[in-house]
Amino acid sequence: MIEQLVPATVTTVATRGDLHTRLSPAELRALGDAVQSRRREFETGRACARDALARLGLPAASVAGGARGEPLWPRGVVGSITHCDRYRACAVARAEDVRSVGIDAEVHAPLRAGILEAIAGDDERRALAAHGGGVCWDRLMFSAKEAVYKACFPLTGRGMGFEDVDVRIDPGRFSFHARLLVEHAGVPAELPGRWGVAGGIVATAVVVGRS
């Protein structure tokens, strides 16, 4: 599904099962003392990353984690990794083609009570309420903001709260529009995104291009 949400300059690998790969010492440090389920997600994400890099025509490489858990890609590569129950994916691109990529996947189910109010403003919630049924719009909102954060953080090195971005979803075009409410040097104030729902998973993607 992720492959349908990004341009041809972005290479994706996704799986609904666990994959295995030998983790490097740097990757093991990024994983830390995680529980078994988290270890499977992490290892599968790194296996997807190695496959994606190979499809991009690059050698497999260790993908360590930064201070906030973000993947640290080889020089000349940008990318993003996501994982949730029954879905893991990676998207990578050459930095000469794309400035940044952010992807997110979530189980397609409503958020717990009170979460939407914590992540979305009044106007955003009113806009969601106007959409029809069939999609968990609150979960999609959460995923879209996660994708925006993942796309912006590598460009700024600064954290971003849910309240720092306004997201409006277009149900008919399977797209969304993100407007940053806090200025971030080097990041466009408005970012387009794509979304999809399939097989019990909602996925979102934001690609910051070179143009």
N, C-alpha and C. Protein backbone atom coordinates (compact mmCIF):
# COMPACT_ATOMS: atom_id res chain seq x y z
N MET A 1 0.81 -1.21 0.00
CA MET A 1 0.00 0.00 0.00
C MET A 1 0.85 1.26 0.00
N ILE A 2 1.94 1.27 0.77
CA ILE A 2 2.82 2.45 0.82
C ILE A 2 3.31 2.82 -0.58
N GLU A 3 3.58 1.82 -1.40
CA GLU A 3 4.11 2.10 -2.74
C GLU A 3 3.15 2.93 -3.58
N GLN A 4 1.87 2.90 -3.28
CA GLN A 4 0.88 3.67 -4.03
C GLN A 4 0.80 5.13 -3.57
N LEU A 5 1.47 5.45 -2.47
CA LEU A 5 1.34 6.78 -1.87
C LEU A 5 2.54 7.68 -2.14
N VAL A 6 3.57 7.17 -2.82
CA VAL A 6 4.80 7.93 -3.04
C VAL A 6 5.13 7.99 -4.52
N PRO A 7 5.90 8.99 -4.95
CA PRO A 7 6.29 9.08 -6.37
C PRO A 7 7.31 8.02 -6.74
N ALA A 8 7.58 7.91 -8.04
CA ALA A 8 8.49 6.88 -8.53
C ALA A 8 9.93 7.07 -8.04
N THR A 9 10.27 8.26 -7.59
CA THR A 9 11.63 8.50 -7.08
C THR A 9 11.85 7.87 -5.72
N VAL A 10 10.79 7.40 -5.09
CA VAL A 10 10.88 6.77 -3.77
C VAL A 10 10.69 5.26 -3.91
N THR A 11 11.59 4.50 -3.32
CA THR A 11 11.54 3.04 -3.35
C THR A 11 10.98 2.52 -2.04
N THR A 12 10.05 1.60 -2.10
CA THR A 12 9.41 1.09 -0.89
C THR A 12 9.51 -0.43 -0.80
N VAL A 13 9.50 -0.92 0.43
CA VAL A 13 9.39 -2.36 0.72
C VAL A 13 8.45 -2.49 1.90
N ALA A 14 7.48 -3.39 1.80
CA ALA A 14 6.52 -3.58 2.88
C ALA A 14 6.26 -5.06 3.08
N THR A 15 5.88 -5.43 4.28
CA THR A 15 5.56 -6.82 4.59
C THR A 15 4.52 -6.86 5.70
N ARG A 16 3.74 -7.91 5.71
CA ARG A 16 2.76 -8.12 6.77
C ARG A 16 3.24 -9.18 7.76
N GLY A 17 4.41 -9.73 7.53
CA GLY A 17 4.97 -10.73 8.43
C GLY A 17 6.31 -10.29 8.96
N ASP A 18 6.91 -11.12 9.79
CA ASP A 18 8.23 -10.83 10.34
C ASP A 18 9.32 -11.26 9.37
N LEU A 19 10.35 -10.43 9.23
CA LEU A 19 11.53 -10.75 8.45
C LEU A 19 12.74 -10.78 9.38
N HIS A 20 13.76 -11.47 8.94
CA HIS A 20 14.94 -11.61 9.80
C HIS A 20 16.18 -11.08 9.08
N THR A 21 17.03 -10.44 9.84
CA THR A 21 18.31 -9.95 9.34
C THR A 21 19.25 -9.85 10.51
N ARG A 22 20.54 -9.91 10.24
CA ARG A 22 21.53 -9.78 11.31
C ARG A 22 21.71 -8.29 11.62
N LEU A 23 21.40 -7.91 12.84
CA LEU A 23 21.52 -6.51 13.23
C LEU A 23 22.97 -6.17 13.58
N SER A 24 23.40 -5.00 13.18
CA SER A 24 24.75 -4.54 13.49
C SER A 24 24.83 -4.09 14.95
N PRO A 25 26.03 -3.93 15.49
CA PRO A 25 26.15 -3.42 16.87
C PRO A 25 25.45 -2.08 17.06
N ALA A 26 25.54 -1.18 16.06
CA ALA A 26 24.89 0.12 16.17
C ALA A 26 23.37 -0.03 16.20
N GLU A 27 22.84 -0.96 15.41
CA GLU A 27 21.40 -1.19 15.41
C GLU A 27 20.95 -1.82 16.72
N LEU A 28 21.74 -2.72 17.26
CA LEU A 28 21.41 -3.33 18.54
C LEU A 28 21.39 -2.28 19.65
N ARG A 29 22.30 -1.31 19.59
CA ARG A 29 22.29 -0.23 20.59
C ARG A 29 21.03 0.61 20.45
N ALA A 30 20.60 0.85 19.21
CA ALA A 30 19.37 1.62 18.99
C ALA A 30 18.16 0.85 19.49
N LEU A 31 18.19 -0.46 19.37
CA LEU A 31 17.07 -1.28 19.84
C LEU A 31 16.99 -1.30 21.35
N GLY A 32 18.15 -1.38 21.99
CA GLY A 32 18.16 -1.37 23.45
C GLY A 32 17.56 -2.63 24.04
N ASP A 33 17.08 -2.53 25.26
CA ASP A 33 16.52 -3.67 25.99
C ASP A 33 15.03 -3.76 25.73
N ALA A 34 14.66 -4.05 24.49
CA ALA A 34 13.26 -4.04 24.09
C ALA A 34 12.61 -5.40 24.31
N VAL A 35 11.30 -5.39 24.45
CA VAL A 35 10.56 -6.64 24.57
C VAL A 35 10.56 -7.35 23.23
N GLN A 36 10.17 -8.63 23.24
CA GLN A 36 10.30 -9.45 22.05
C GLN A 36 9.49 -8.91 20.88
N SER A 37 8.29 -8.43 21.13
CA SER A 37 7.47 -7.91 20.03
C SER A 37 8.14 -6.70 19.38
N ARG A 38 8.71 -5.83 20.20
CA ARG A 38 9.41 -4.66 19.67
C ARG A 38 10.65 -5.09 18.89
N ARG A 39 11.35 -6.11 19.36
CA ARG A 39 12.53 -6.61 18.65
C ARG A 39 12.14 -7.12 17.27
N ARG A 40 11.01 -7.83 17.17
CA ARG A 40 10.56 -8.34 15.86
C ARG A 40 10.23 -7.19 14.92
N GLU A 41 9.54 -6.16 15.43
CA GLU A 41 9.22 -5.01 14.60
C GLU A 41 10.48 -4.31 14.12
N PHE A 42 11.41 -4.10 15.03
CA PHE A 42 12.65 -3.39 14.70
C PHE A 42 13.45 -4.17 13.65
N GLU A 43 13.61 -5.48 13.88
CA GLU A 43 14.40 -6.29 12.96
C GLU A 43 13.75 -6.34 11.58
N THR A 44 12.42 -6.46 11.56
CA THR A 44 11.72 -6.48 10.28
C THR A 44 11.87 -5.15 9.55
N GLY A 45 11.78 -4.04 10.29
CA GLY A 45 11.98 -2.74 9.69
C GLY A 45 13.36 -2.60 9.07
N ARG A 46 14.37 -3.09 9.78
CA ARG A 46 15.74 -3.02 9.22
C ARG A 46 15.91 -3.97 8.05
N ALA A 47 15.25 -5.10 8.06
CA ALA A 47 15.29 -5.99 6.90
C ALA A 47 14.66 -5.31 5.68
N CYS A 48 13.54 -4.63 5.89
CA CYS A 48 12.92 -3.88 4.80
C CYS A 48 13.86 -2.78 4.30
N ALA A 49 14.57 -2.14 5.22
CA ALA A 49 15.50 -1.08 4.84
C ALA A 49 16.63 -1.63 3.97
N ARG A 50 17.19 -2.78 4.33
CA ARG A 50 18.26 -3.37 3.53
C ARG A 50 17.76 -3.71 2.12
N ASP A 51 16.55 -4.28 2.05
CA ASP A 51 15.97 -4.61 0.75
C ASP A 51 15.72 -3.35 -0.06
N ALA A 52 15.20 -2.31 0.57
CA ALA A 52 14.91 -1.06 -0.14
C ALA A 52 16.19 -0.42 -0.67
N LEU A 53 17.25 -0.42 0.13
CA LEU A 53 18.52 0.13 -0.33
C LEU A 53 19.05 -0.65 -1.53
N ALA A 54 18.90 -1.99 -1.49
CA ALA A 54 19.34 -2.82 -2.61
C ALA A 54 18.56 -2.49 -3.87
N ARG A 55 17.25 -2.29 -3.73
CA ARG A 55 16.42 -1.94 -4.89
C ARG A 55 16.76 -0.56 -5.43
N LEU A 56 17.31 0.27 -4.55
CA LEU A 56 17.74 1.60 -4.97
C LEU A 56 19.10 1.54 -5.66
N GLY A 57 19.71 0.35 -5.68
CA GLY A 57 21.01 0.16 -6.31
C GLY A 57 22.17 0.44 -5.40
N LEU A 58 21.93 0.41 -4.09
CA LEU A 58 22.96 0.69 -3.10
C LEU A 58 23.25 -0.55 -2.27
N PRO A 59 24.45 -0.66 -1.72
CA PRO A 59 24.75 -1.82 -0.86
C PRO A 59 23.94 -1.78 0.42
N ALA A 60 23.66 -2.96 0.95
CA ALA A 60 22.98 -3.04 2.25
C ALA A 60 23.85 -2.36 3.30
N ALA A 61 23.23 -1.64 4.21
CA ALA A 61 23.99 -0.89 5.20
C ALA A 61 23.26 -0.94 6.54
N SER A 62 24.04 -0.77 7.58
CA SER A 62 23.47 -0.65 8.91
C SER A 62 22.69 0.65 9.01
N VAL A 63 21.52 0.59 9.65
CA VAL A 63 20.70 1.78 9.84
C VAL A 63 20.49 1.96 11.34
N ALA A 64 21.40 2.70 11.94
CA ALA A 64 21.34 2.92 13.38
C ALA A 64 20.21 3.90 13.70
N GLY A 65 20.06 4.22 14.97
CA GLY A 65 19.01 5.14 15.40
C GLY A 65 19.60 6.38 16.04
N GLY A 66 18.93 7.52 15.82
CA GLY A 66 19.36 8.77 16.42
C GLY A 66 18.83 8.95 17.83
N ALA A 67 19.03 10.13 18.36
CA ALA A 67 18.66 10.41 19.74
C ALA A 67 17.16 10.28 19.97
N ARG A 68 16.36 10.54 18.96
CA ARG A 68 14.90 10.43 19.08
C ARG A 68 14.37 9.16 18.43
N GLY A 69 15.26 8.22 18.14
CA GLY A 69 14.85 6.96 17.55
C GLY A 69 14.74 6.99 16.04
N GLU A 70 15.05 8.13 15.43
CA GLU A 70 14.95 8.23 13.97
C GLU A 70 16.04 7.40 13.30
N PRO A 71 15.73 6.76 12.15
CA PRO A 71 16.76 5.99 11.44
C PRO A 71 17.83 6.90 10.87
N LEU A 72 19.07 6.47 10.97
CA LEU A 72 20.21 7.22 10.45
C LEU A 72 20.66 6.54 9.15
N TRP A 73 20.36 7.17 8.02
CA TRP A 73 20.59 6.56 6.72
C TRP A 73 22.01 6.80 6.24
N PRO A 74 22.48 5.95 5.32
CA PRO A 74 23.80 6.19 4.72
C PRO A 74 23.82 7.54 4.01
N ARG A 75 25.01 8.10 3.85
CA ARG A 75 25.15 9.38 3.16
C ARG A 75 24.52 9.31 1.78
N GLY A 76 23.77 10.34 1.43
CA GLY A 76 23.14 10.40 0.13
C GLY A 76 21.77 9.74 0.05
N VAL A 77 21.26 9.28 1.21
CA VAL A 77 19.97 8.58 1.24
C VAL A 77 19.06 9.26 2.25
N VAL A 78 17.79 9.37 1.92
CA VAL A 78 16.76 9.79 2.87
C VAL A 78 15.73 8.68 2.95
N GLY A 79 15.02 8.62 4.06
CA GLY A 79 14.04 7.54 4.16
C GLY A 79 13.25 7.58 5.45
N SER A 80 12.39 6.59 5.59
CA SER A 80 11.51 6.50 6.74
C SER A 80 11.11 5.04 6.93
N ILE A 81 10.90 4.64 8.18
CA ILE A 81 10.47 3.29 8.52
C ILE A 81 9.23 3.40 9.40
N THR A 82 8.28 2.49 9.19
CA THR A 82 7.10 2.45 10.05
C THR A 82 6.75 1.00 10.36
N HIS A 83 6.12 0.80 11.49
CA HIS A 83 5.66 -0.55 11.83
C HIS A 83 4.48 -0.48 12.79
N CYS A 84 3.56 -1.38 12.58
CA CYS A 84 2.44 -1.57 13.48
C CYS A 84 2.06 -3.04 13.42
N ASP A 85 1.07 -3.43 14.16
CA ASP A 85 0.65 -4.82 14.16
C ASP A 85 0.23 -5.24 12.75
N ARG A 86 0.91 -6.26 12.22
CA ARG A 86 0.61 -6.86 10.91
C ARG A 86 1.02 -6.02 9.72
N TYR A 87 1.88 -5.01 9.93
CA TYR A 87 2.37 -4.25 8.78
C TYR A 87 3.66 -3.55 9.15
N ARG A 88 4.70 -3.70 8.32
CA ARG A 88 5.96 -2.98 8.46
C ARG A 88 6.38 -2.50 7.07
N ALA A 89 6.97 -1.33 7.01
CA ALA A 89 7.34 -0.78 5.70
C ALA A 89 8.52 0.17 5.83
N CYS A 90 9.22 0.34 4.70
CA CYS A 90 10.33 1.28 4.60
C CYS A 90 10.22 1.99 3.27
N ALA A 91 10.58 3.27 3.25
CA ALA A 91 10.63 4.04 2.01
C ALA A 91 11.96 4.79 1.98
N VAL A 92 12.68 4.70 0.88
CA VAL A 92 13.96 5.38 0.75
C VAL A 92 14.06 6.05 -0.62
N ALA A 93 14.92 7.05 -0.69
CA ALA A 93 15.17 7.75 -1.95
C ALA A 93 16.57 8.33 -1.92
N ARG A 94 17.08 8.63 -3.08
CA ARG A 94 18.36 9.33 -3.15
C ARG A 94 18.15 10.80 -2.78
N ALA A 95 19.05 11.31 -1.98
CA ALA A 95 18.92 12.69 -1.51
C ALA A 95 18.99 13.69 -2.65
N GLU A 96 19.58 13.31 -3.76
CA GLU A 96 19.64 14.22 -4.91
C GLU A 96 18.27 14.37 -5.57
N ASP A 97 17.36 13.41 -5.30
CA ASP A 97 16.02 13.44 -5.89
C ASP A 97 14.96 13.96 -4.93
N VAL A 98 15.12 13.64 -3.66
CA VAL A 98 14.10 13.94 -2.65
C VAL A 98 14.78 14.49 -1.41
N ARG A 99 14.21 15.52 -0.80
CA ARG A 99 14.79 16.09 0.41
C ARG A 99 14.48 15.27 1.65
N SER A 100 13.27 14.72 1.71
CA SER A 100 12.87 13.99 2.90
C SER A 100 11.63 13.15 2.61
N VAL A 101 11.48 12.07 3.39
CA VAL A 101 10.33 11.17 3.27
C VAL A 101 9.81 10.87 4.67
N GLY A 102 8.50 10.86 4.82
CA GLY A 102 7.89 10.43 6.07
C GLY A 102 6.73 9.50 5.77
N ILE A 103 6.75 8.28 6.34
CA ILE A 103 5.65 7.35 6.17
C ILE A 103 5.18 6.87 7.54
N ASP A 104 3.89 6.53 7.60
CA ASP A 104 3.36 5.99 8.85
C ASP A 104 2.25 5.00 8.53
N ALA A 105 2.14 3.95 9.34
CA ALA A 105 1.08 2.96 9.21
C ALA A 105 0.51 2.67 10.58
N GLU A 106 -0.80 2.53 10.65
CA GLU A 106 -1.50 2.28 11.89
C GLU A 106 -2.60 1.23 11.65
N VAL A 107 -2.93 0.48 12.69
CA VAL A 107 -4.09 -0.39 12.60
C VAL A 107 -5.33 0.48 12.41
N HIS A 108 -6.16 0.13 11.44
CA HIS A 108 -7.33 0.94 11.11
C HIS A 108 -8.44 0.70 12.13
N ALA A 109 -8.37 1.45 13.21
CA ALA A 109 -9.35 1.34 14.31
C ALA A 109 -9.45 2.71 14.97
N PRO A 110 -10.59 3.01 15.58
CA PRO A 110 -10.73 4.32 16.23
C PRO A 110 -9.71 4.53 17.33
N LEU A 111 -9.32 5.78 17.54
CA LEU A 111 -8.44 6.12 18.65
C LEU A 111 -9.18 5.95 19.97
N ARG A 112 -8.43 5.75 21.03
CA ARG A 112 -9.03 5.69 22.36
C ARG A 112 -9.66 7.05 22.71
N ALA A 113 -10.65 7.02 23.57
CA ALA A 113 -11.36 8.24 23.96
C ALA A 113 -10.38 9.28 24.48
N GLY A 114 -10.53 10.51 24.01
CA GLY A 114 -9.70 11.62 24.47
C GLY A 114 -8.46 11.87 23.64
N ILE A 115 -8.05 10.90 22.81
CA ILE A 115 -6.81 11.07 22.04
C ILE A 115 -7.00 12.10 20.93
N LEU A 116 -8.13 12.05 20.24
CA LEU A 116 -8.34 13.00 19.14
C LEU A 116 -8.29 14.43 19.66
N GLU A 117 -8.89 14.69 20.81
CA GLU A 117 -8.87 16.03 21.38
C GLU A 117 -7.45 16.49 21.70
N ALA A 118 -6.56 15.54 21.97
CA ALA A 118 -5.18 15.87 22.31
C ALA A 118 -4.32 16.14 21.07
N ILE A 119 -4.73 15.61 19.92
CA ILE A 119 -3.87 15.74 18.74
C ILE A 119 -4.44 16.68 17.69
N ALA A 120 -5.72 17.05 17.80
CA ALA A 120 -6.35 17.87 16.76
C ALA A 120 -7.07 19.05 17.37
N GLY A 121 -7.00 20.19 16.68
CA GLY A 121 -7.68 21.39 17.14
C GLY A 121 -9.17 21.35 16.82
N ASP A 122 -9.88 22.36 17.29
CA ASP A 122 -11.33 22.41 17.09
C ASP A 122 -11.70 22.39 15.61
N ASP A 123 -11.02 23.19 14.80
CA ASP A 123 -11.34 23.25 13.37
C ASP A 123 -11.06 21.91 12.68
N GLU A 124 -9.97 21.27 13.06
CA GLU A 124 -9.65 19.97 12.47
C GLU A 124 -10.72 18.94 12.83
N ARG A 125 -11.17 18.95 14.07
CA ARG A 125 -12.18 17.98 14.49
C ARG A 125 -13.52 18.23 13.79
N ARG A 126 -13.87 19.50 13.61
CA ARG A 126 -15.11 19.80 12.89
C ARG A 126 -15.03 19.31 11.44
N ALA A 127 -13.88 19.48 10.82
CA ALA A 127 -13.71 19.01 9.44
C ALA A 127 -13.84 17.49 9.36
N LEU A 128 -13.27 16.79 10.33
CA LEU A 128 -13.37 15.33 10.34
C LEU A 128 -14.82 14.89 10.50
N ALA A 129 -15.55 15.59 11.36
CA ALA A 129 -16.94 15.23 11.64
C ALA A 129 -17.81 15.34 10.40
N ALA A 130 -17.39 16.14 9.42
CA ALA A 130 -18.18 16.33 8.21
C ALA A 130 -17.98 15.21 7.19
N HIS A 131 -16.96 14.36 7.40
CA HIS A 131 -16.70 13.27 6.46
C HIS A 131 -17.68 12.12 6.73
N GLY A 132 -17.89 11.31 5.72
CA GLY A 132 -18.78 10.17 5.85
C GLY A 132 -18.14 9.01 6.59
N GLY A 133 -18.85 7.91 6.66
CA GLY A 133 -18.35 6.74 7.36
C GLY A 133 -17.42 5.90 6.50
N GLY A 134 -17.02 4.76 7.05
CA GLY A 134 -16.16 3.83 6.33
C GLY A 134 -14.68 3.97 6.60
N VAL A 135 -14.26 5.12 7.15
CA VAL A 135 -12.85 5.36 7.47
C VAL A 135 -12.77 5.89 8.90
N CYS A 136 -11.80 5.41 9.65
CA CYS A 136 -11.55 5.95 10.99
C CYS A 136 -10.75 7.23 10.83
N TRP A 137 -11.46 8.33 10.64
CA TRP A 137 -10.81 9.60 10.33
C TRP A 137 -9.89 10.07 11.45
N ASP A 138 -10.24 9.74 12.69
CA ASP A 138 -9.36 10.15 13.80
C ASP A 138 -8.02 9.44 13.72
N ARG A 139 -8.04 8.15 13.41
CA ARG A 139 -6.78 7.39 13.27
C ARG A 139 -5.99 7.91 12.07
N LEU A 140 -6.68 8.24 11.00
CA LEU A 140 -6.01 8.79 9.82
C LEU A 140 -5.35 10.13 10.16
N MET A 141 -6.03 10.96 10.94
CA MET A 141 -5.44 12.23 11.36
C MET A 141 -4.15 12.00 12.14
N PHE A 142 -4.19 11.05 13.07
CA PHE A 142 -3.00 10.72 13.86
C PHE A 142 -1.86 10.28 12.94
N SER A 143 -2.16 9.38 12.01
CA SER A 143 -1.13 8.87 11.11
C SER A 143 -0.56 9.97 10.23
N ALA A 144 -1.43 10.85 9.72
CA ALA A 144 -0.95 11.93 8.85
C ALA A 144 0.02 12.84 9.60
N LYS A 145 -0.30 13.16 10.85
CA LYS A 145 0.60 14.03 11.62
C LYS A 145 1.92 13.32 11.92
N GLU A 146 1.87 12.02 12.15
CA GLU A 146 3.10 11.27 12.34
C GLU A 146 3.97 11.32 11.07
N ALA A 147 3.37 11.17 9.91
CA ALA A 147 4.12 11.22 8.65
C ALA A 147 4.74 12.59 8.43
N VAL A 148 4.00 13.64 8.79
CA VAL A 148 4.53 15.00 8.67
C VAL A 148 5.75 15.17 9.57
N TYR A 149 5.64 14.71 10.80
CA TYR A 149 6.76 14.82 11.74
C TYR A 149 7.99 14.09 11.20
N LYS A 150 7.78 12.86 10.69
CA LYS A 150 8.91 12.07 10.20
C LYS A 150 9.57 12.73 8.98
N ALA A 151 8.77 13.43 8.17
CA ALA A 151 9.34 14.11 7.01
C ALA A 151 10.08 15.37 7.41
N CYS A 152 9.62 16.05 8.46
CA CYS A 152 10.21 17.33 8.85
C CYS A 152 11.44 17.19 9.74
N PHE A 153 11.44 16.22 10.63
CA PHE A 153 12.51 16.14 11.61
C PHE A 153 13.91 16.04 10.99
N PRO A 154 14.14 15.22 9.95
CA PRO A 154 15.48 15.16 9.37
C PRO A 154 15.96 16.49 8.78
N LEU A 155 15.01 17.36 8.43
CA LEU A 155 15.38 18.65 7.85
C LEU A 155 15.66 19.71 8.90
N THR A 156 15.12 19.54 10.08
CA THR A 156 15.25 20.57 11.11
C THR A 156 15.99 20.11 12.36
N GLY A 157 15.93 18.81 12.65
CA GLY A 157 16.51 18.31 13.90
C GLY A 157 15.74 18.77 15.12
N ARG A 158 14.54 19.29 14.91
CA ARG A 158 13.72 19.82 16.00
C ARG A 158 12.43 19.01 16.13
N GLY A 159 12.00 18.84 17.37
CA GLY A 159 10.76 18.14 17.60
C GLY A 159 9.56 18.96 17.15
N MET A 160 8.44 18.30 17.01
CA MET A 160 7.21 18.96 16.58
C MET A 160 6.05 18.31 17.31
N GLY A 161 5.17 19.12 17.88
CA GLY A 161 4.00 18.59 18.55
C GLY A 161 2.83 18.46 17.60
N PHE A 162 1.84 17.67 18.02
CA PHE A 162 0.64 17.53 17.19
C PHE A 162 -0.02 18.88 16.95
N GLU A 163 0.10 19.77 17.93
CA GLU A 163 -0.54 21.07 17.81
C GLU A 163 0.19 22.01 16.85
N ASP A 164 1.37 21.61 16.38
CA ASP A 164 2.17 22.46 15.52
C ASP A 164 1.83 22.32 14.04
N VAL A 165 0.90 21.44 13.71
CA VAL A 165 0.54 21.24 12.32
C VAL A 165 -0.97 21.09 12.20
N ASP A 166 -1.54 21.73 11.20
CA ASP A 166 -2.96 21.64 10.90
C ASP A 166 -3.12 20.75 9.67
N VAL A 167 -3.91 19.69 9.79
CA VAL A 167 -4.09 18.73 8.70
C VAL A 167 -5.54 18.72 8.24
N ARG A 168 -5.75 18.83 6.94
CA ARG A 168 -7.07 18.73 6.34
C ARG A 168 -7.06 17.58 5.34
N ILE A 169 -7.98 16.66 5.51
CA ILE A 169 -8.03 15.44 4.71
C ILE A 169 -9.04 15.59 3.58
N ASP A 170 -8.64 15.18 2.39
CA ASP A 170 -9.52 15.15 1.23
C ASP A 170 -9.95 13.70 1.01
N PRO A 171 -11.18 13.35 1.38
CA PRO A 171 -11.61 11.94 1.26
C PRO A 171 -11.65 11.44 -0.17
N GLY A 172 -12.07 12.28 -1.10
CA GLY A 172 -12.26 11.84 -2.48
C GLY A 172 -10.97 11.59 -3.23
N ARG A 173 -9.93 12.35 -2.89
CA ARG A 173 -8.67 12.23 -3.61
C ARG A 173 -7.62 11.44 -2.85
N PHE A 174 -7.99 10.89 -1.71
CA PHE A 174 -7.04 10.14 -0.89
C PHE A 174 -5.76 10.94 -0.66
N SER A 175 -5.95 12.20 -0.32
CA SER A 175 -4.83 13.09 -0.06
C SER A 175 -5.10 13.90 1.20
N PHE A 176 -4.08 14.59 1.66
CA PHE A 176 -4.27 15.53 2.76
C PHE A 176 -3.31 16.69 2.60
N HIS A 177 -3.63 17.77 3.26
CA HIS A 177 -2.83 18.99 3.18
C HIS A 177 -2.41 19.36 4.60
N ALA A 178 -1.11 19.50 4.81
CA ALA A 178 -0.58 19.86 6.12
C ALA A 178 -0.01 21.27 6.09
N ARG A 179 -0.42 22.06 7.07
CA ARG A 179 0.08 23.43 7.18
C ARG A 179 0.80 23.57 8.53
N LEU A 180 2.08 23.90 8.48
CA LEU A 180 2.85 24.05 9.70
C LEU A 180 2.48 25.36 10.39
N LEU A 181 2.16 25.29 11.66
CA LEU A 181 1.75 26.46 12.43
C LEU A 181 2.92 27.11 13.15
N VAL A 182 4.06 26.44 13.14
CA VAL A 182 5.30 26.97 13.71
C VAL A 182 6.35 26.96 12.61
N GLU A 183 7.03 28.08 12.41
CA GLU A 183 8.01 28.18 11.33
C GLU A 183 9.20 27.28 11.61
N HIS A 184 9.57 26.51 10.59
CA HIS A 184 10.75 25.64 10.65
C HIS A 184 11.63 25.99 9.46
N ALA A 185 12.80 26.52 9.73
CA ALA A 185 13.70 26.91 8.65
C ALA A 185 14.01 25.72 7.76
N GLY A 186 13.91 25.94 6.47
CA GLY A 186 14.25 24.89 5.52
C GLY A 186 13.12 23.94 5.19
N VAL A 187 11.95 24.14 5.80
CA VAL A 187 10.80 23.26 5.54
C VAL A 187 9.66 24.10 4.98
N PRO A 188 9.04 23.67 3.88
CA PRO A 188 7.90 24.42 3.35
C PRO A 188 6.80 24.55 4.40
N ALA A 189 6.12 25.66 4.40
CA ALA A 189 5.04 25.87 5.37
C ALA A 189 3.84 24.99 5.08
N GLU A 190 3.70 24.52 3.85
CA GLU A 190 2.59 23.66 3.48
C GLU A 190 3.13 22.41 2.79
N LEU A 191 2.60 21.27 3.18
CA LEU A 191 3.09 19.99 2.66
C LEU A 191 1.90 19.13 2.22
N PRO A 192 1.96 18.57 1.02
CA PRO A 192 0.92 17.64 0.58
C PRO A 192 1.24 16.23 1.05
N GLY A 193 0.21 15.43 1.23
CA GLY A 193 0.39 14.04 1.61
C GLY A 193 -0.64 13.15 0.94
N ARG A 194 -0.40 11.85 1.03
CA ARG A 194 -1.31 10.86 0.47
C ARG A 194 -1.66 9.85 1.55
N TRP A 195 -2.84 9.23 1.41
CA TRP A 195 -3.25 8.23 2.37
C TRP A 195 -4.01 7.10 1.69
N GLY A 196 -4.09 5.96 2.38
CA GLY A 196 -4.84 4.82 1.87
C GLY A 196 -5.22 3.90 3.00
N VAL A 197 -6.23 3.10 2.78
CA VAL A 197 -6.69 2.11 3.74
C VAL A 197 -6.87 0.78 3.02
N ALA A 198 -6.28 -0.28 3.57
CA ALA A 198 -6.42 -1.61 2.96
C ALA A 198 -6.04 -2.67 3.99
N GLY A 199 -6.77 -3.75 4.00
CA GLY A 199 -6.41 -4.88 4.84
C GLY A 199 -6.31 -4.55 6.31
N GLY A 200 -7.15 -3.64 6.79
CA GLY A 200 -7.14 -3.30 8.20
C GLY A 200 -6.04 -2.35 8.62
N ILE A 201 -5.36 -1.74 7.65
CA ILE A 201 -4.25 -0.81 7.93
C ILE A 201 -4.54 0.52 7.25
N VAL A 202 -4.26 1.63 7.94
CA VAL A 202 -4.28 2.95 7.33
C VAL A 202 -2.84 3.42 7.23
N ALA A 203 -2.47 3.93 6.06
CA ALA A 203 -1.09 4.37 5.83
C ALA A 203 -1.08 5.78 5.25
N THR A 204 -0.04 6.53 5.57
CA THR A 204 0.11 7.90 5.09
C THR A 204 1.55 8.13 4.66
N ALA A 205 1.73 9.11 3.78
CA ALA A 205 3.07 9.43 3.30
C ALA A 205 3.18 10.90 2.96
N VAL A 206 4.32 11.48 3.30
CA VAL A 206 4.66 12.86 2.95
C VAL A 206 6.05 12.83 2.32
N VAL A 207 6.18 13.42 1.14
CA VAL A 207 7.48 13.48 0.45
C VAL A 207 7.80 14.94 0.20
N VAL A 208 8.95 15.40 0.71
CA VAL A 208 9.41 16.77 0.47
C VAL A 208 10.36 16.72 -0.72
N GLY A 209 9.90 17.26 -1.85
CA GLY A 209 10.69 17.17 -3.06
C GLY A 209 11.74 18.24 -3.18
N ARG A 210 12.45 18.21 -4.29
CA ARG A 210 13.53 19.17 -4.54
C ARG A 210 13.03 20.44 -5.22
N SER A 211 11.88 20.39 -5.85
CA SER A 211 11.39 21.55 -6.58
C SER A 211 10.75 22.54 -5.61
